[in-house]
Protein backbone atom coordinates (compact mmCIF):
# COMPACT_ATOMS: atom_id res chain seq x y z
CA MET A 1 -15.88 -1.42 14.05
CA VAL A 2 -14.18 -0.77 10.91
CA LYS A 3 -11.07 -2.95 10.37
CA ARG A 4 -7.74 -1.15 10.21
CA LEU A 5 -4.03 -2.20 9.94
CA GLY A 6 -2.27 -2.44 13.00
CA LYS A 7 0.45 -0.41 11.60
CA TYR A 8 0.66 1.61 8.31
CA SER A 9 3.72 1.90 6.17
CA TYR A 10 4.59 3.70 2.98
CA SER A 11 4.62 0.17 1.38
CA ALA A 12 1.11 -0.30 2.21
CA LEU A 13 -0.19 3.13 1.37
CA ASP A 14 1.76 2.86 -1.90
CA THR A 15 0.05 -0.26 -2.85
CA PHE A 16 -3.51 1.02 -2.12
CA GLU A 17 -2.61 3.90 -4.27
CA ASN A 18 -0.98 1.97 -7.27
CA CYS A 19 -4.04 -0.85 -6.87
CA PRO A 20 -6.50 -1.02 -4.15
CA LYS A 21 -7.33 -4.72 -5.03
CA LYS A 22 -3.64 -5.82 -4.33
CA PHE A 23 -3.91 -3.99 -0.99
CA GLN A 24 -6.99 -5.94 0.04
CA PHE A 25 -5.52 -9.29 -0.78
CA SER A 26 -2.05 -8.49 0.94
CA TYR A 27 -3.13 -6.32 3.88
CA ILE A 28 -6.72 -6.95 4.43
CA ASP A 29 -7.42 -10.44 3.24
CA LYS A 30 -3.70 -11.44 4.31
CA ILE A 31 -3.81 -13.99 1.43
CA LYS A 32 -0.24 -15.65 1.50
CA ARG A 33 1.97 -15.97 -1.67
CA GLU A 34 5.28 -17.43 -2.20
CA LYS A 35 7.07 -14.70 -3.55
CA LYS A 36 8.51 -14.58 -6.97
CA GLY A 37 12.22 -14.28 -7.60
CA ASN A 38 12.38 -10.83 -9.32
CA ALA A 39 15.74 -10.20 -10.25
CA PRO A 40 16.01 -6.37 -9.69
CA ALA A 41 14.41 -6.75 -6.12
CA ILE A 42 16.90 -9.49 -5.42
CA MET A 43 19.77 -7.37 -6.61
CA GLY A 44 18.54 -4.45 -4.66
CA GLY A 45 18.20 -6.48 -1.36
CA ILE A 46 21.60 -8.00 -1.61
CA VAL A 47 23.24 -4.64 -2.33
CA HIS A 48 21.42 -3.32 0.87
CA ARG A 49 22.85 -5.88 2.84
CA VAL A 50 26.48 -5.35 1.73
CA LEU A 51 26.14 -1.77 2.46
CA GLU A 52 25.00 -2.55 6.00
CA LYS A 53 27.85 -4.52 6.57
CA LEU A 54 30.34 -1.93 5.10
CA TYR A 55 29.03 0.62 7.50
CA LYS A 56 28.57 -1.32 10.47
CA LEU A 57 32.28 -2.15 10.19
CA GLY A 58 33.42 1.34 9.38
CA ALA A 59 31.99 2.44 12.48
CA ASP A 60 34.09 0.09 14.44
CA LYS A 61 37.15 1.76 12.32
CA VAL A 62 37.50 -1.34 10.42
CA LEU A 63 37.55 -1.45 6.60
CA PHE A 64 35.89 -4.62 4.81
CA PRO A 65 38.41 -5.43 2.10
CA LYS A 66 37.16 -5.06 -1.26
CA GLU A 67 37.78 -8.42 -2.62
CA ASP A 68 35.99 -9.79 0.72
CA MET A 69 33.15 -7.45 0.06
CA ILE A 70 32.63 -9.03 -3.56
CA ARG A 71 32.92 -12.36 -2.37
CA PHE A 72 30.19 -11.88 0.31
CA TYR A 73 27.95 -10.34 -2.47
CA HIS A 74 28.13 -13.40 -4.52
CA GLU A 75 27.62 -15.81 -1.51
CA GLU A 76 24.49 -13.73 -0.88
CA TRP A 77 23.07 -14.91 -4.38
CA ASN A 78 24.16 -18.30 -3.88
CA ASN A 79 22.02 -18.52 -0.50
CA ILE A 80 18.88 -17.74 -2.43
CA VAL A 81 16.72 -20.66 -2.78
CA ILE A 82 13.82 -20.09 -5.17
CA ASP A 83 12.52 -22.06 -7.87
CA PHE A 84 12.99 -19.47 -10.63
CA ILE A 85 13.63 -15.65 -11.28
CA GLU A 86 11.69 -13.55 -13.29
CA VAL A 87 13.25 -10.99 -15.56
CA VAL A 88 11.05 -8.45 -16.98
CA SER A 89 13.47 -6.94 -19.20
CA GLU A 90 13.40 -7.83 -22.83
CA TYR A 91 17.49 -7.45 -22.96
CA HIS A 92 18.56 -8.43 -19.49
CA THR A 93 19.43 -11.92 -17.83
CA VAL A 94 19.91 -12.82 -14.11
CA ASP A 95 23.60 -12.86 -14.82
CA ASP A 96 23.41 -9.32 -16.06
CA TYR A 97 21.65 -8.06 -12.58
CA ILE A 98 24.36 -9.96 -10.62
CA LYS A 99 27.12 -8.00 -12.79
CA ILE A 100 25.19 -4.69 -12.40
CA GLY A 101 24.91 -5.20 -8.52
CA GLU A 102 28.66 -5.86 -8.33
CA ASP A 103 29.54 -2.70 -10.57
CA ILE A 104 27.54 -0.69 -8.28
CA LEU A 105 29.17 -1.72 -4.89
CA SER A 106 32.51 -1.48 -6.67
CA ASP A 107 32.07 1.91 -7.60
CA TYR A 108 30.54 2.83 -4.63
CA TYR A 109 33.45 1.43 -2.45
CA ASP A 110 36.05 3.32 -4.40
CA LYS A 111 34.34 6.60 -3.69
CA PHE A 112 33.30 6.31 -0.15
CA GLN A 113 36.01 3.93 1.67
CA PRO A 114 36.58 3.65 4.49
CA PHE A 115 32.57 4.37 5.17
CA GLN A 116 33.31 7.01 8.12
CA GLN A 117 32.50 9.98 6.60
CA SER A 118 29.71 10.73 9.59
CA LYS A 119 28.87 9.23 12.65
CA LEU A 120 26.60 6.23 12.02
CA LEU A 121 23.47 6.15 14.40
CA GLY A 122 21.95 2.89 12.77
CA THR A 123 21.43 0.86 9.75
CA GLU A 124 18.21 -0.99 8.62
CA LEU A 125 16.65 1.13 11.58
CA ASN A 126 13.18 -0.11 12.43
CA LEU A 127 10.96 2.75 13.76
CA SER A 128 7.34 3.12 15.07
CA TYR A 129 5.43 6.16 15.89
CA THR A 130 1.75 7.58 16.13
CA LEU A 131 0.93 10.05 13.25
CA PRO A 132 0.22 13.36 14.87
CA ASN A 133 -3.14 14.58 14.89
CA SER A 134 -4.38 10.81 14.79
CA ASP A 135 -4.33 7.52 16.51
CA PHE A 136 -2.82 5.85 13.35
CA LEU A 137 0.17 3.65 14.01
CA PHE A 138 3.05 3.88 11.39
CA SER A 139 6.19 1.96 11.26
CA CYS A 140 9.16 2.18 8.72
CA ARG A 141 12.55 0.66 7.91
CA ILE A 142 15.23 3.18 7.23
CA ASP A 143 18.54 2.20 5.44
CA GLN A 144 20.73 4.66 7.30
CA LEU A 145 20.75 7.23 9.91
CA SER A 146 23.74 9.31 10.41
CA LYS A 147 25.42 12.62 11.76
CA ARG A 148 27.44 14.83 9.86
CA ASP A 149 30.36 16.75 11.48
CA ASP A 150 28.23 19.93 11.04
CA GLY A 151 25.63 18.24 13.24
CA VAL A 152 23.06 17.63 10.51
CA ILE A 153 21.10 14.59 10.64
CA GLU A 154 21.10 12.55 7.56
CA ILE A 155 18.13 10.19 6.77
CA ILE A 156 19.59 7.97 3.88
CA ASP A 157 17.61 5.69 1.59
CA TYR A 158 19.82 3.73 -1.08
CA LYS A 159 18.21 3.23 -4.51
CA THR A 160 19.29 0.35 -7.13
CA GLY A 161 16.67 1.12 -9.78
CA THR A 162 17.34 3.14 -13.04
CA HIS A 163 15.15 6.24 -12.21
CA LEU A 164 16.55 9.30 -10.82
CA ALA A 165 14.20 10.99 -8.56
CA LYS A 166 13.53 14.81 -7.80
CA PRO A 167 12.33 16.16 -4.40
CA THR A 168 9.13 17.28 -5.82
CA ASP A 169 8.41 13.77 -6.93
CA LYS A 170 5.27 12.28 -5.13
CA ASN A 171 7.19 9.29 -4.10
CA PHE A 172 10.33 11.00 -2.63
CA HIS A 173 7.93 13.25 -0.82
CA PHE A 174 5.82 10.81 0.85
CA GLN A 175 8.37 7.97 1.43
CA MET A 176 11.32 10.31 2.81
CA GLY A 177 8.63 12.47 4.63
CA LEU A 178 7.44 9.43 6.44
CA TYR A 179 10.89 8.61 7.36
CA LEU A 180 11.29 12.29 8.68
CA LEU A 181 8.02 11.94 10.99
CA ALA A 182 9.45 8.63 12.22
CA VAL A 183 12.92 10.28 13.28
CA ARG A 184 11.05 13.38 14.80
CA ALA A 185 8.99 11.36 16.99
CA ASN A 186 11.68 8.97 18.16
CA TYR A 187 14.62 11.55 18.41
CA PRO A 188 12.75 14.79 19.39
CA ASN A 189 16.36 16.32 20.00
CA PHE A 190 17.23 15.98 16.45
CA LYS A 191 16.69 19.42 15.06
CA GLU A 192 18.26 19.82 11.42
CA ILE A 193 17.59 16.89 9.33
CA GLU A 194 18.30 16.27 5.68
CA LEU A 195 16.63 13.78 3.57
CA VAL A 196 19.02 12.04 1.23
CA GLN A 197 18.13 9.29 -1.57
CA TYR A 198 21.20 8.11 -2.98
CA PHE A 199 20.99 6.37 -6.79
CA LEU A 200 23.51 3.81 -6.77
CA ARG A 201 23.73 3.30 -10.42
CA HIS A 202 24.01 6.93 -11.19
CA GLY A 203 26.28 7.55 -8.33
CA GLU A 204 24.02 10.82 -7.33
CA SER A 205 22.42 11.85 -4.54
CA VAL A 206 19.29 13.86 -3.98
CA ARG A 207 18.91 16.01 -0.75
CA TYR A 208 16.32 18.01 0.70
CA LYS A 209 15.24 19.68 3.98
CA MET A 210 11.46 19.72 4.38
CA ARG A 211 10.12 22.80 5.60
CA GLU A 212 7.85 23.07 8.69
CA ASP A 213 4.67 23.85 6.74
CA GLU A 214 5.48 20.97 4.46
CA GLU A 215 5.65 18.37 7.42
CA GLU A 216 2.36 19.82 8.49
CA ASN A 217 0.75 19.36 5.06
CA LEU A 218 2.28 15.63 4.77
CA ILE A 219 0.88 14.91 8.21
CA GLU A 220 -2.56 15.80 6.92
CA GLU A 221 -2.03 13.87 3.56
CA LEU A 222 -1.13 10.78 5.27
CA ARG A 223 -4.09 10.73 7.52
CA GLN A 224 -6.40 11.31 4.38
CA ALA A 225 -4.48 8.26 2.75
CA VAL A 226 -5.20 6.02 5.82
CA ILE A 227 -8.72 7.28 6.15
CA ALA A 228 -9.18 6.41 2.60
CA THR A 229 -7.83 2.98 3.22
CA ILE A 230 -10.44 2.44 6.08
CA GLN A 231 -13.41 3.68 4.15
CA ALA A 232 -12.65 1.23 1.41
CA THR A 233 -12.49 -1.49 3.83
CA ASP A 234 -15.88 -0.46 5.54
CA LEU A 235 -17.28 -0.43 1.91
CA GLN A 236 -15.43 -3.50 0.91
CA SER A 237 -14.47 -1.23 -2.28
CA PHE A 238 -11.13 -2.57 -3.62
CA PRO A 239 -11.24 -1.93 -7.64
CA PRO A 240 -8.37 -3.39 -9.17
CA LYS A 241 -6.15 -0.87 -11.34
CA GLU A 242 -4.13 -2.13 -14.11
CA SER A 243 -0.58 -0.71 -14.60
CA PRO A 244 3.15 -1.97 -15.44
CA PHE A 245 3.12 -2.95 -11.97
CA CYS A 246 0.88 -5.79 -12.70
CA ARG A 247 3.68 -8.11 -14.27
CA PHE A 248 5.04 -8.03 -10.42
CA CYS A 249 1.77 -9.06 -8.94
CA ASP A 250 1.58 -12.18 -6.80
CA TYR A 251 -2.09 -12.20 -7.06
CA ALA A 252 -2.79 -12.38 -10.69
CA ASP A 253 -4.64 -15.68 -10.66
CA ILE A 254 -7.26 -14.34 -8.30
CA CYS A 255 -7.35 -10.77 -9.90
CA PRO A 256 -10.59 -9.49 -11.18
CA ALA A 257 -8.63 -7.61 -13.94
CA LYS A 258 -7.13 -10.68 -15.25
CA ILE A 259 -9.40 -13.75 -14.81
CA HIS A 260 -11.13 -13.25 -18.17
CA ASN A 261 -7.76 -13.11 -19.84
CA GLN A 262 -6.58 -16.34 -17.85
CA MET A 263 -10.00 -18.03 -18.89
CA LEU A 264 -9.28 -17.35 -22.46
CA GLU A 265 -5.80 -18.83 -22.17
CA ASP A 266 -7.06 -21.93 -20.51
CA GLU A 267 -9.02 -24.14 -23.00
CA GLU A 268 -10.15 -26.57 -20.32
CA LYS A 269 -12.15 -23.76 -18.30
CA SER A 270 -13.41 -22.07 -21.65
CA SER A 271 -15.80 -25.17 -21.83
CA ASP A 272 -17.18 -24.74 -18.38
CA GLY A 273 -19.95 -22.50 -17.00
CA ASP A 274 -23.11 -20.97 -18.27
CA ILE A 275 -21.28 -18.26 -20.00
CA SER A 276 -18.14 -19.16 -21.89
CA PRO A 277 -15.18 -16.78 -21.83
CA GLU A 278 -15.61 -16.71 -25.76
CA LYS A 279 -19.12 -15.13 -24.90
CA LEU A 280 -17.74 -12.66 -22.70
CA LYS A 281 -15.17 -11.66 -25.27
CA ASP A 282 -18.26 -11.06 -27.75
CA ILE A 283 -20.00 -8.98 -25.38
CA ALA A 284 -16.74 -6.87 -24.71
CA ASN A 285 -16.10 -6.66 -28.41
CA ARG A 286 -19.86 -5.34 -29.22
CA TYR A 287 -19.75 -2.85 -26.45
CA ILE A 288 -16.30 -1.28 -27.61
CA GLU A 289 -17.81 -1.27 -31.11
CA LYS A 290 -20.98 0.51 -30.10
CA ASN A 291 -19.10 2.75 -27.74
CA LYS A 292 -17.01 3.96 -30.60
CA GLU A 293 -20.18 4.48 -32.77
CA SER A 294 -21.90 6.61 -30.13
CA LYS A 295 -18.74 8.91 -29.86
CA VAL A 296 -18.71 9.30 -33.49
CA LEU A 297 -22.73 10.05 -33.41
CA LYS A 298 -22.39 12.46 -30.83
CA GLU A 299 -19.56 14.27 -32.52
CA ASP A 300 -21.78 14.33 -35.79
CA LEU A 301 -24.86 15.43 -33.80
CA ASP A 302 -23.04 18.26 -32.05
CA ALA A 303 -21.54 19.56 -35.39
CA LEU A 304 -25.17 19.39 -36.87
CA LYS A 305 -26.48 21.16 -33.94
CA ALA A 306 -24.12 23.97 -34.35
CA GLN A 307 -24.64 24.49 -37.97
CA LEU A 308 -28.35 24.67 -37.49
CA ILE A 309 -27.84 27.41 -34.61
CA GLU A 310 -25.54 29.45 -36.63
CA ILE A 311 -27.77 29.13 -39.84
CA SER A 312 -30.84 30.00 -37.50
CA LYS A 313 -28.77 33.50 -36.39
CA GLN A 314 -27.82 34.41 -39.81
CA HIS A 315 -31.09 33.61 -41.64
CA ASN A 316 -33.63 34.12 -38.92
CA ILE A 317 -34.94 30.59 -39.23
CA SER A 318 -36.29 28.91 -36.16
CA VAL A 319 -37.98 25.66 -37.78
CA PHE A 320 -36.44 23.46 -40.32
CA GLU A 321 -38.28 21.19 -42.26
CA SER A 322 -37.22 17.39 -42.90
CA ASP A 323 -38.58 14.27 -44.45
CA PHE A 324 -39.17 13.00 -40.46
CA GLY A 325 -40.65 15.95 -39.07
CA LYS A 326 -39.20 19.24 -37.74
CA VAL A 327 -36.31 20.76 -35.82
CA ASN A 328 -37.12 23.50 -33.75
CA VAL A 329 -34.28 25.96 -32.87
CA SER A 330 -34.96 28.38 -30.05
CA ILE A 331 -32.59 31.18 -29.15
CA LYS A 332 -33.11 33.51 -26.35
CA ASN A 333 -31.30 35.99 -24.18
CA ASP A 334 -31.48 36.16 -20.54
CA TYR A 335 -29.52 37.10 -17.37
CA LYS A 336 -27.25 34.98 -15.35
CA PHE A 337 -24.87 35.12 -12.78
CA VAL A 338 -21.11 34.43 -13.32
CA THR A 339 -20.14 30.83 -12.69
CA LYS A 340 -17.33 29.41 -10.95
CA THR A 341 -15.86 27.89 -14.33
CA ASP A 342 -16.61 31.45 -16.03
CA ASP A 343 -14.51 33.33 -13.44
CA PRO A 344 -13.33 31.65 -10.13
CA LYS A 345 -12.51 34.99 -8.49
CA ALA A 346 -15.67 36.67 -9.39
CA PHE A 347 -17.79 33.63 -8.36
CA SER A 348 -15.96 33.80 -4.90
CA GLU A 349 -16.90 37.49 -4.29
CA LEU A 350 -20.32 36.66 -5.44
CA ASN A 351 -20.55 33.74 -2.85
CA TYR A 352 -19.17 36.10 -0.13
CA LEU A 353 -21.47 39.01 -0.71
CA CYS A 354 -24.69 36.62 -0.89
CA ARG A 355 -23.75 35.05 2.50
CA GLU A 356 -22.87 38.31 4.04
CA ALA A 357 -26.50 39.55 2.92
CA GLY A 358 -28.13 36.44 4.64
CA LEU A 359 -29.27 35.07 1.08
CA ASP A 360 -28.79 31.14 2.39
CA ASP A 361 -32.22 30.51 1.12
CA PHE A 362 -30.82 30.54 -2.62
CA PHE A 363 -27.88 28.25 -1.86
CA VAL A 364 -28.22 24.63 -2.84
CA LEU A 365 -26.82 21.72 -0.53
CA ASP A 366 -23.84 20.29 -2.16
CA SER A 367 -24.32 16.92 -0.78
CA ARG A 368 -21.37 15.38 -3.02
CA ALA A 369 -19.14 18.09 -1.52
CA LEU A 370 -20.29 17.43 1.85
CA MET A 371 -19.59 13.65 1.53
CA LYS A 372 -16.17 14.05 -0.05
CA ASP A 373 -14.50 16.92 1.55
CA GLY A 374 -16.70 16.96 4.95
CA ILE A 375 -17.30 13.18 5.94
CA LYS A 376 -14.63 11.22 4.15
CA LYS A 377 -11.77 13.37 4.96
CA GLN A 378 -13.08 13.51 8.73
CA ARG A 379 -13.08 17.69 8.85
CA ILE A 380 -16.71 17.76 10.52
CA GLU A 381 -17.00 17.36 14.23
CA GLN A 382 -18.01 14.00 15.25
CA ASP A 383 -21.35 14.97 17.00
CA LEU A 384 -22.36 16.42 13.67
CA VAL A 385 -21.36 13.49 11.78
CA ASP A 386 -23.45 11.31 14.11
CA LYS A 387 -26.56 13.36 13.44
CA LEU A 388 -25.98 13.16 9.61
CA GLN A 389 -25.25 9.44 9.53
CA GLN A 390 -29.09 8.75 9.37
CA PHE A 391 -29.07 10.47 5.91
CA ILE A 392 -26.01 8.44 4.70
CA GLU A 393 -26.67 5.38 2.63
CA GLU A 394 -24.42 3.10 0.75
CA ALA A 395 -24.60 3.31 -3.02
CA GLU A 396 -23.20 1.30 -5.69
CA THR A 397 -21.61 3.43 -8.66
CA PRO A 398 -20.60 1.00 -11.53
CA ARG A 399 -18.38 2.55 -14.50
CA VAL A 400 -17.56 0.80 -17.68
CA THR A 401 -14.65 2.30 -19.75
CA VAL A 402 -12.80 1.20 -22.67
CA LYS A 403 -8.90 0.75 -22.95
CA LYS A 404 -7.51 0.61 -26.33
CA LYS A 405 -5.38 -2.17 -27.14
CA SER A 406 -1.76 -1.57 -27.93
CA GLU A 407 1.58 -3.69 -28.78
CA LYS A 408 2.65 -3.03 -25.24
CA ASP A 409 -0.34 -5.13 -23.77
CA ASP A 410 1.36 -8.38 -25.44
CA ASP A 411 4.44 -8.05 -23.21
CA SER A 412 4.97 -10.81 -20.69
CA PRO A 413 7.72 -11.58 -17.99
CA LYS A 414 10.62 -13.65 -19.56
CA ILE A 415 11.09 -16.55 -17.13
CA ILE A 416 14.70 -17.68 -16.71
CA ARG A 417 15.02 -21.15 -14.78
């Protein structure tokens, strides 16, 4: 039985998308780590708690005084017990983020007091549901659920970051769509629902009402996302994916993408083992050099090949003499059917005509498409999958790629104690 999570969430699927290895460490292996004190994240969490208090009191017709709100905000900062706080930004300190949060709340307070613009249905609302057309359980935590005077239900998510999203953004689509499915499942009487992300630094909201067909597509996208995590678990295939998110990761000390760099920085480890970190670095250096040389050689070879073909056509020469042998150039004309790359529409018509004519003997089984679009996406009936199972084997597919070094690679988090 393939191991799956008890409940899936936007956070879990987003983690898998950004870095499968981190997903494994956090959700499969459940490796515990002491959470780093990330200043923007801490500020965001405190701002959310303050907003929750404002709206809960507002729902009871009680206005939390602004000076009390600011005092409560700073008390929350004082209650944080951590050894250090990381500030990734080159130009910010912890005090800067404390001030940013205070300014955000002050502006919001002035704009929306007494926080009774709609009927509050819940804050920090935990909801669970089964994804339609599957047995996958999902959970989510919604910042605020409210009902406007016109009867429209609002699912509100507060953002303290600098990025202003659009409804077409992938993250907005998945996160807010997942919340929408949760509300639909738990409150089936709610008909008209609007998705709202409020960007506190900008004082702007992004609103969207998802169409029925978009909801249906989202359900299938979420189903496929879960299936991908299950298949990765079955194969134990969780490759690390480097990105700017690495600087926030709690698992850098055991990450395969970071181990060699740590070995190079640790002088004691550098002298241990059969293959030293410097030896590994030398192998990587030579690979990058040869990889670059091979690309230059291929470009030169392609250019010379094109030149020989052009001369062959112009001067009717098919054999070129050299000091090392001969180069034969053969040019012939033949008939061929249009390909999918040449003309997708024409190829589709050709495919239809041939199948209508019963020419299946001329079609080649596309086993890669059968695995990718049929088996992995679970679009084939289970009884047929069971029959095909005897022909499926696990295969290792290693890839070696090169990422050029840049000045940005030298950036490192600033630690303020």
